[in-house]
Amino acid sequence: MSSGPSPEMTIPESAMTKEAVKTASAEIVEVFGEDHVRMVPDGQGGLWLEISEVSLGDPYAQEISFVICLLPFNLPAADVYPLFLRSDLNRSDGRILGEGFCPTAVAWPGDAQPRQVVQVSRRTRGNEFTLQTPRQKIEKVLDWVRNQ
């Protein structure tokens, strides 16, 4: 984890990228490090993020994964949902991944073709998502994944 964004950190320039999205992405880069966050504009004012080399810990045979998610244009009045992890994710104890995990494919502007992934569904209910930042939501979901 990085101690903060470097002065030369750049968010993809898009006339449409909303200020709240820029702020949220800078906060995520501060936590995960500039070298581990790829940002791709969604064309609507939001940003798709791919965070590389995220530790999932002992419960999984693959202790490291990427995370793909969308910071929607209507932040802070929107949830960051769902998150996507590596497609070959499985538990080291042989148990199934269980509720909240679903194999699927994600079509996003960061890949030319849809990517096979495991979707992690941890929607924040009601309007409680307005009480947490996208960084907090990502960290909360990753903590949930690590404790399954």
N, C-alpha and C. Protein backbone atom coordinates (compact mmCIF):
# COMPACT_ATOMS: atom_id res chain seq x y z
N MET A 1 0.83 -1.17 0.00
CA MET A 1 0.00 0.00 0.00
C MET A 1 0.88 1.24 0.00
N SER A 2 0.46 2.22 -0.69
CA SER A 2 1.21 3.45 -0.86
C SER A 2 0.93 4.42 0.28
N SER A 3 1.86 5.34 0.51
CA SER A 3 1.65 6.34 1.53
C SER A 3 0.83 7.51 0.99
N GLY A 4 0.55 7.53 -0.28
CA GLY A 4 -0.26 8.60 -0.86
C GLY A 4 0.01 8.74 -2.33
N PRO A 5 -0.87 9.46 -3.03
CA PRO A 5 -0.67 9.60 -4.46
C PRO A 5 0.54 10.47 -4.74
N SER A 6 1.26 10.11 -5.77
CA SER A 6 2.42 10.92 -6.15
C SER A 6 1.92 12.17 -6.86
N PRO A 7 2.70 13.23 -6.84
CA PRO A 7 2.26 14.47 -7.48
C PRO A 7 1.97 14.28 -8.97
N GLU A 8 2.63 13.32 -9.61
CA GLU A 8 2.42 13.13 -11.04
C GLU A 8 1.29 12.16 -11.36
N MET A 9 0.55 11.67 -10.34
CA MET A 9 -0.57 10.79 -10.59
C MET A 9 -1.57 11.49 -11.49
N THR A 10 -2.02 10.80 -12.52
CA THR A 10 -2.99 11.41 -13.41
C THR A 10 -4.23 10.55 -13.49
N ILE A 11 -5.33 11.22 -13.46
CA ILE A 11 -6.62 10.58 -13.68
C ILE A 11 -6.91 10.79 -15.16
N PRO A 12 -7.39 9.76 -15.86
CA PRO A 12 -7.64 9.94 -17.29
C PRO A 12 -8.47 11.20 -17.53
N GLU A 13 -7.98 12.04 -18.40
CA GLU A 13 -8.69 13.28 -18.68
C GLU A 13 -9.90 12.98 -19.54
N SER A 14 -11.00 13.38 -19.06
CA SER A 14 -12.25 13.29 -19.78
C SER A 14 -13.07 14.48 -19.36
N ALA A 15 -13.55 15.22 -20.33
CA ALA A 15 -14.36 16.38 -20.01
C ALA A 15 -15.57 15.98 -19.19
N MET A 16 -15.94 14.71 -19.27
CA MET A 16 -17.14 14.27 -18.59
C MET A 16 -16.89 13.73 -17.18
N THR A 17 -15.66 13.41 -16.81
CA THR A 17 -15.42 12.81 -15.50
C THR A 17 -15.82 13.79 -14.41
N LYS A 18 -16.75 13.36 -13.58
CA LYS A 18 -17.30 14.20 -12.52
C LYS A 18 -16.29 14.39 -11.39
N GLU A 19 -16.38 15.52 -10.72
CA GLU A 19 -15.44 15.86 -9.65
C GLU A 19 -15.49 14.83 -8.52
N ALA A 20 -16.68 14.37 -8.13
CA ALA A 20 -16.79 13.38 -7.05
C ALA A 20 -16.11 12.08 -7.44
N VAL A 21 -16.14 11.73 -8.71
CA VAL A 21 -15.48 10.52 -9.21
C VAL A 21 -13.97 10.70 -9.16
N LYS A 22 -13.49 11.86 -9.55
CA LYS A 22 -12.05 12.15 -9.49
C LYS A 22 -11.55 12.07 -8.05
N THR A 23 -12.31 12.65 -7.12
CA THR A 23 -11.94 12.62 -5.71
C THR A 23 -11.89 11.18 -5.19
N ALA A 24 -12.92 10.39 -5.52
CA ALA A 24 -12.98 9.00 -5.07
C ALA A 24 -11.83 8.18 -5.65
N SER A 25 -11.52 8.38 -6.91
CA SER A 25 -10.43 7.60 -7.52
C SER A 25 -9.08 7.98 -6.92
N ALA A 26 -8.88 9.25 -6.61
CA ALA A 26 -7.63 9.67 -5.96
C ALA A 26 -7.49 9.02 -4.59
N GLU A 27 -8.58 8.91 -3.86
CA GLU A 27 -8.56 8.27 -2.54
C GLU A 27 -8.21 6.78 -2.67
N ILE A 28 -8.73 6.13 -3.69
CA ILE A 28 -8.44 4.71 -3.92
C ILE A 28 -6.98 4.51 -4.30
N VAL A 29 -6.46 5.40 -5.14
CA VAL A 29 -5.05 5.33 -5.51
C VAL A 29 -4.17 5.54 -4.27
N GLU A 30 -4.59 6.42 -3.39
CA GLU A 30 -3.82 6.67 -2.16
C GLU A 30 -3.69 5.40 -1.33
N VAL A 31 -4.74 4.58 -1.30
CA VAL A 31 -4.73 3.36 -0.50
C VAL A 31 -4.00 2.22 -1.20
N PHE A 32 -4.28 2.01 -2.49
CA PHE A 32 -3.76 0.83 -3.20
C PHE A 32 -2.48 1.10 -3.99
N GLY A 33 -2.14 2.35 -4.20
CA GLY A 33 -0.92 2.70 -4.91
C GLY A 33 -1.15 2.95 -6.39
N GLU A 34 -0.51 3.97 -6.88
CA GLU A 34 -0.65 4.38 -8.27
C GLU A 34 -0.31 3.27 -9.26
N ASP A 35 0.70 2.47 -8.93
CA ASP A 35 1.12 1.40 -9.83
C ASP A 35 0.13 0.25 -9.89
N HIS A 36 -0.86 0.26 -9.00
CA HIS A 36 -1.82 -0.86 -8.92
C HIS A 36 -3.24 -0.47 -9.32
N VAL A 37 -3.44 0.77 -9.75
CA VAL A 37 -4.80 1.19 -10.12
C VAL A 37 -4.80 1.69 -11.56
N ARG A 38 -5.59 1.03 -12.38
CA ARG A 38 -5.78 1.46 -13.76
C ARG A 38 -7.18 2.06 -13.86
N MET A 39 -7.28 3.24 -14.47
CA MET A 39 -8.57 3.93 -14.58
C MET A 39 -8.94 4.09 -16.04
N VAL A 40 -10.20 3.80 -16.35
CA VAL A 40 -10.70 3.91 -17.72
C VAL A 40 -12.04 4.65 -17.66
N PRO A 41 -12.15 5.82 -18.33
CA PRO A 41 -13.42 6.54 -18.34
C PRO A 41 -14.55 5.68 -18.91
N ASP A 42 -15.73 5.84 -18.33
CA ASP A 42 -16.88 5.06 -18.80
C ASP A 42 -17.69 5.78 -19.87
N GLY A 43 -17.33 7.02 -20.19
CA GLY A 43 -18.04 7.78 -21.20
C GLY A 43 -19.29 8.48 -20.68
N GLN A 44 -19.58 8.34 -19.38
CA GLN A 44 -20.75 8.98 -18.80
C GLN A 44 -20.39 9.87 -17.62
N GLY A 45 -19.11 10.03 -17.36
CA GLY A 45 -18.67 10.83 -16.22
C GLY A 45 -18.12 10.01 -15.08
N GLY A 46 -18.17 8.69 -15.21
CA GLY A 46 -17.62 7.79 -14.20
C GLY A 46 -16.31 7.20 -14.66
N LEU A 47 -15.73 6.36 -13.82
CA LEU A 47 -14.48 5.68 -14.15
C LEU A 47 -14.58 4.22 -13.77
N TRP A 48 -14.13 3.36 -14.66
CA TRP A 48 -13.90 1.96 -14.31
C TRP A 48 -12.53 1.89 -13.69
N LEU A 49 -12.38 1.07 -12.65
CA LEU A 49 -11.08 0.87 -12.00
C LEU A 49 -10.72 -0.60 -12.03
N GLU A 50 -9.45 -0.87 -12.27
CA GLU A 50 -8.90 -2.20 -12.04
C GLU A 50 -7.77 -2.03 -11.05
N ILE A 51 -7.93 -2.65 -9.89
CA ILE A 51 -6.91 -2.61 -8.85
C ILE A 51 -6.20 -3.95 -8.91
N SER A 52 -4.90 -3.94 -9.14
CA SER A 52 -4.14 -5.18 -9.27
C SER A 52 -3.49 -5.55 -7.95
N GLU A 53 -3.17 -6.82 -7.82
CA GLU A 53 -2.42 -7.36 -6.69
C GLU A 53 -3.07 -7.07 -5.33
N VAL A 54 -4.35 -7.37 -5.24
CA VAL A 54 -5.08 -7.22 -3.99
C VAL A 54 -5.00 -8.55 -3.24
N SER A 55 -4.61 -8.50 -1.98
CA SER A 55 -4.49 -9.71 -1.17
C SER A 55 -5.86 -10.18 -0.71
N LEU A 56 -6.14 -11.47 -0.94
CA LEU A 56 -7.39 -12.07 -0.47
C LEU A 56 -7.15 -12.95 0.75
N GLY A 57 -5.92 -13.34 0.98
CA GLY A 57 -5.59 -14.09 2.18
C GLY A 57 -5.76 -15.59 2.09
N ASP A 58 -5.61 -16.22 3.25
CA ASP A 58 -5.56 -17.67 3.39
C ASP A 58 -6.79 -18.45 2.94
N PRO A 59 -7.99 -17.90 3.03
CA PRO A 59 -9.12 -18.77 2.67
C PRO A 59 -9.10 -19.20 1.20
N TYR A 60 -8.26 -18.58 0.39
CA TYR A 60 -8.30 -18.83 -1.05
C TYR A 60 -7.01 -19.45 -1.56
N ALA A 61 -7.15 -20.34 -2.53
CA ALA A 61 -5.99 -20.96 -3.16
C ALA A 61 -5.18 -19.90 -3.91
N GLN A 62 -5.87 -18.90 -4.41
CA GLN A 62 -5.22 -17.77 -5.09
C GLN A 62 -5.27 -16.59 -4.12
N GLU A 63 -4.17 -16.32 -3.46
CA GLU A 63 -4.18 -15.30 -2.41
C GLU A 63 -4.20 -13.88 -2.96
N ILE A 64 -3.91 -13.72 -4.26
CA ILE A 64 -3.87 -12.40 -4.89
C ILE A 64 -4.88 -12.37 -6.03
N SER A 65 -5.57 -11.24 -6.17
CA SER A 65 -6.53 -11.06 -7.25
C SER A 65 -6.49 -9.62 -7.72
N PHE A 66 -7.12 -9.39 -8.84
CA PHE A 66 -7.45 -8.03 -9.25
C PHE A 66 -8.86 -7.74 -8.72
N VAL A 67 -9.23 -6.48 -8.69
CA VAL A 67 -10.60 -6.05 -8.41
C VAL A 67 -10.98 -5.09 -9.53
N ILE A 68 -12.10 -5.34 -10.16
CA ILE A 68 -12.64 -4.41 -11.15
C ILE A 68 -13.95 -3.88 -10.59
N CYS A 69 -14.14 -2.57 -10.70
CA CYS A 69 -15.40 -1.96 -10.28
C CYS A 69 -15.61 -0.66 -11.03
N LEU A 70 -16.82 -0.17 -10.96
CA LEU A 70 -17.17 1.09 -11.59
C LEU A 70 -17.45 2.14 -10.53
N LEU A 71 -16.81 3.30 -10.67
CA LEU A 71 -17.18 4.47 -9.89
C LEU A 71 -18.19 5.22 -10.75
N PRO A 72 -19.48 5.09 -10.43
CA PRO A 72 -20.50 5.65 -11.32
C PRO A 72 -20.51 7.18 -11.33
N PHE A 73 -20.99 7.73 -12.43
CA PHE A 73 -21.01 9.18 -12.62
C PHE A 73 -21.81 9.91 -11.55
N ASN A 74 -22.77 9.23 -10.93
CA ASN A 74 -23.65 9.92 -9.98
C ASN A 74 -23.19 9.79 -8.52
N LEU A 75 -21.89 9.55 -8.31
CA LEU A 75 -21.36 9.61 -6.95
C LEU A 75 -21.56 11.02 -6.40
N PRO A 76 -21.82 11.19 -5.14
CA PRO A 76 -21.90 10.20 -4.07
C PRO A 76 -23.28 9.57 -3.90
N ALA A 77 -24.19 9.84 -4.82
CA ALA A 77 -25.55 9.33 -4.69
C ALA A 77 -25.73 7.98 -5.37
N ALA A 78 -24.69 7.14 -5.33
CA ALA A 78 -24.76 5.81 -5.95
C ALA A 78 -23.83 4.86 -5.22
N ASP A 79 -24.15 3.58 -5.32
CA ASP A 79 -23.34 2.54 -4.70
C ASP A 79 -22.28 2.04 -5.68
N VAL A 80 -21.15 1.63 -5.17
CA VAL A 80 -20.13 0.95 -5.98
C VAL A 80 -20.47 -0.53 -5.89
N TYR A 81 -21.11 -1.03 -6.95
CA TYR A 81 -21.66 -2.39 -6.93
C TYR A 81 -21.82 -2.87 -8.35
N PRO A 82 -21.48 -4.10 -8.64
CA PRO A 82 -20.74 -5.08 -7.85
C PRO A 82 -19.24 -4.90 -8.06
N LEU A 83 -18.46 -5.77 -7.41
CA LEU A 83 -17.02 -5.85 -7.63
C LEU A 83 -16.75 -7.19 -8.30
N PHE A 84 -15.68 -7.24 -9.08
CA PHE A 84 -15.31 -8.45 -9.81
C PHE A 84 -13.89 -8.87 -9.44
N LEU A 85 -13.71 -10.18 -9.23
CA LEU A 85 -12.42 -10.77 -8.88
C LEU A 85 -12.02 -11.78 -9.95
N ARG A 86 -10.84 -12.34 -9.82
CA ARG A 86 -10.30 -13.32 -10.78
C ARG A 86 -11.26 -14.49 -10.97
N SER A 87 -11.30 -15.01 -12.18
CA SER A 87 -12.27 -16.05 -12.54
C SER A 87 -11.96 -17.41 -11.94
N ASP A 88 -10.70 -17.69 -11.63
CA ASP A 88 -10.33 -19.00 -11.10
C ASP A 88 -10.34 -19.04 -9.57
N LEU A 89 -10.95 -18.05 -8.96
CA LEU A 89 -10.97 -17.99 -7.50
C LEU A 89 -11.64 -19.23 -6.91
N ASN A 90 -10.95 -19.86 -5.97
CA ASN A 90 -11.55 -20.97 -5.22
C ASN A 90 -10.90 -21.04 -3.85
N ARG A 91 -11.61 -21.68 -2.96
CA ARG A 91 -11.17 -21.76 -1.57
C ARG A 91 -10.07 -22.81 -1.41
N SER A 92 -9.14 -22.55 -0.54
CA SER A 92 -8.04 -23.50 -0.30
C SER A 92 -8.52 -24.74 0.44
N ASP A 93 -9.66 -24.66 1.15
CA ASP A 93 -10.17 -25.83 1.87
C ASP A 93 -11.12 -26.68 1.01
N GLY A 94 -11.30 -26.31 -0.26
CA GLY A 94 -12.13 -27.10 -1.17
C GLY A 94 -13.62 -26.79 -1.11
N ARG A 95 -14.05 -26.00 -0.14
CA ARG A 95 -15.47 -25.65 -0.07
C ARG A 95 -15.85 -24.72 -1.22
N ILE A 96 -17.14 -24.68 -1.55
CA ILE A 96 -17.58 -23.77 -2.60
C ILE A 96 -17.49 -22.33 -2.11
N LEU A 97 -17.44 -21.41 -3.05
CA LEU A 97 -17.35 -20.00 -2.67
C LEU A 97 -18.59 -19.55 -1.90
N GLY A 98 -19.76 -20.02 -2.30
CA GLY A 98 -20.97 -19.73 -1.54
C GLY A 98 -21.71 -18.50 -1.99
N GLU A 99 -22.70 -18.14 -1.17
CA GLU A 99 -23.57 -17.01 -1.47
C GLU A 99 -22.77 -15.72 -1.57
N GLY A 100 -23.14 -14.89 -2.54
CA GLY A 100 -22.45 -13.62 -2.74
C GLY A 100 -21.39 -13.68 -3.81
N PHE A 101 -21.06 -14.88 -4.31
CA PHE A 101 -20.07 -15.07 -5.37
C PHE A 101 -20.75 -15.69 -6.58
N CYS A 102 -20.46 -15.20 -7.77
CA CYS A 102 -21.08 -15.75 -8.97
C CYS A 102 -20.14 -15.63 -10.16
N PRO A 103 -19.80 -16.77 -10.80
CA PRO A 103 -18.99 -16.69 -12.02
C PRO A 103 -19.79 -15.98 -13.12
N THR A 104 -19.12 -15.11 -13.85
CA THR A 104 -19.77 -14.37 -14.93
C THR A 104 -18.68 -13.80 -15.84
N ALA A 105 -19.06 -12.93 -16.72
CA ALA A 105 -18.11 -12.19 -17.55
C ALA A 105 -18.45 -10.71 -17.41
N VAL A 106 -17.44 -9.87 -17.43
CA VAL A 106 -17.67 -8.43 -17.38
C VAL A 106 -17.13 -7.81 -18.67
N ALA A 107 -18.00 -7.06 -19.32
CA ALA A 107 -17.60 -6.28 -20.49
C ALA A 107 -17.40 -4.85 -20.00
N TRP A 108 -16.19 -4.41 -20.10
CA TRP A 108 -15.87 -3.05 -19.64
C TRP A 108 -14.83 -2.47 -20.58
N PRO A 109 -14.67 -1.16 -20.62
CA PRO A 109 -13.77 -0.56 -21.61
C PRO A 109 -12.29 -0.82 -21.37
N GLY A 110 -11.92 -1.51 -20.30
CA GLY A 110 -10.52 -1.83 -20.04
C GLY A 110 -10.02 -3.05 -20.80
N ASP A 111 -10.94 -3.83 -21.35
CA ASP A 111 -10.58 -5.03 -22.12
C ASP A 111 -11.31 -5.01 -23.46
N ALA A 112 -10.65 -5.48 -24.49
CA ALA A 112 -11.28 -5.53 -25.81
C ALA A 112 -12.42 -6.54 -25.86
N GLN A 113 -12.31 -7.62 -25.10
CA GLN A 113 -13.33 -8.67 -25.05
C GLN A 113 -13.80 -8.82 -23.60
N PRO A 114 -15.02 -9.33 -23.40
CA PRO A 114 -15.46 -9.58 -22.02
C PRO A 114 -14.47 -10.48 -21.28
N ARG A 115 -14.26 -10.19 -20.01
CA ARG A 115 -13.33 -10.95 -19.17
C ARG A 115 -14.12 -11.86 -18.23
N GLN A 116 -13.71 -13.11 -18.14
CA GLN A 116 -14.31 -14.04 -17.18
C GLN A 116 -13.88 -13.60 -15.78
N VAL A 117 -14.83 -13.55 -14.86
CA VAL A 117 -14.60 -13.06 -13.50
C VAL A 117 -15.52 -13.79 -12.52
N VAL A 118 -15.30 -13.53 -11.25
CA VAL A 118 -16.24 -13.89 -10.20
C VAL A 118 -16.80 -12.58 -9.67
N GLN A 119 -18.11 -12.44 -9.76
CA GLN A 119 -18.78 -11.25 -9.26
C GLN A 119 -19.03 -11.42 -7.77
N VAL A 120 -18.72 -10.38 -7.01
CA VAL A 120 -18.98 -10.36 -5.58
C VAL A 120 -20.13 -9.38 -5.36
N SER A 121 -21.25 -9.91 -4.91
CA SER A 121 -22.44 -9.09 -4.70
C SER A 121 -22.61 -8.75 -3.23
N ARG A 122 -22.29 -7.54 -2.87
CA ARG A 122 -22.47 -7.04 -1.51
C ARG A 122 -23.05 -5.64 -1.63
N ARG A 123 -24.29 -5.56 -2.06
CA ARG A 123 -24.95 -4.27 -2.24
C ARG A 123 -25.22 -3.64 -0.88
N THR A 124 -24.99 -2.35 -0.80
CA THR A 124 -25.34 -1.59 0.39
C THR A 124 -26.82 -1.26 0.28
N ARG A 125 -27.58 -1.64 1.27
CA ARG A 125 -29.04 -1.48 1.24
C ARG A 125 -29.47 -0.04 1.52
N GLY A 126 -30.62 0.30 0.98
CA GLY A 126 -31.18 1.63 1.21
C GLY A 126 -30.25 2.71 0.70
N ASN A 127 -30.21 3.82 1.39
CA ASN A 127 -29.32 4.91 0.99
C ASN A 127 -28.07 4.97 1.86
N GLU A 128 -27.75 3.87 2.56
CA GLU A 128 -26.58 3.84 3.43
C GLU A 128 -25.27 4.04 2.67
N PHE A 129 -25.28 3.79 1.35
CA PHE A 129 -24.06 3.98 0.56
C PHE A 129 -23.61 5.43 0.57
N THR A 130 -24.53 6.35 0.84
CA THR A 130 -24.13 7.76 0.90
C THR A 130 -23.30 8.06 2.15
N LEU A 131 -23.27 7.12 3.09
CA LEU A 131 -22.50 7.29 4.32
C LEU A 131 -21.09 6.73 4.23
N GLN A 132 -20.76 6.11 3.09
CA GLN A 132 -19.42 5.55 2.91
C GLN A 132 -18.84 6.00 1.57
N THR A 133 -17.55 6.15 1.55
CA THR A 133 -16.87 6.51 0.31
C THR A 133 -16.66 5.25 -0.53
N PRO A 134 -16.41 5.40 -1.82
CA PRO A 134 -16.09 4.22 -2.63
C PRO A 134 -14.90 3.44 -2.07
N ARG A 135 -13.89 4.12 -1.56
CA ARG A 135 -12.75 3.41 -0.95
C ARG A 135 -13.23 2.56 0.22
N GLN A 136 -14.08 3.12 1.06
CA GLN A 136 -14.60 2.37 2.20
C GLN A 136 -15.42 1.17 1.73
N LYS A 137 -16.21 1.35 0.67
CA LYS A 137 -17.01 0.24 0.16
C LYS A 137 -16.11 -0.88 -0.36
N ILE A 138 -15.08 -0.55 -1.12
CA ILE A 138 -14.16 -1.56 -1.64
C ILE A 138 -13.48 -2.28 -0.49
N GLU A 139 -13.00 -1.53 0.50
CA GLU A 139 -12.35 -2.15 1.66
C GLU A 139 -13.32 -3.04 2.43
N LYS A 140 -14.56 -2.60 2.58
CA LYS A 140 -15.59 -3.36 3.29
C LYS A 140 -15.87 -4.68 2.57
N VAL A 141 -16.02 -4.64 1.26
CA VAL A 141 -16.27 -5.86 0.49
C VAL A 141 -15.06 -6.79 0.56
N LEU A 142 -13.85 -6.24 0.44
CA LEU A 142 -12.65 -7.09 0.52
C LEU A 142 -12.53 -7.72 1.90
N ASP A 143 -12.86 -7.01 2.95
CA ASP A 143 -12.86 -7.60 4.30
C ASP A 143 -13.86 -8.73 4.37
N TRP A 144 -15.04 -8.55 3.79
CA TRP A 144 -16.05 -9.61 3.76
C TRP A 144 -15.51 -10.84 3.02
N VAL A 145 -14.90 -10.62 1.87
CA VAL A 145 -14.34 -11.73 1.08
C VAL A 145 -13.30 -12.48 1.90
N ARG A 146 -12.42 -11.76 2.56
CA ARG A 146 -11.34 -12.37 3.34
C ARG A 146 -11.85 -13.19 4.52
N ASN A 147 -13.05 -12.90 4.96
CA ASN A 147 -13.60 -13.58 6.14
C ASN A 147 -14.64 -14.63 5.82
N GLN A 148 -14.72 -15.04 4.58
CA GLN A 148 -15.69 -16.07 4.17
C GLN A 148 -15.08 -17.44 4.34
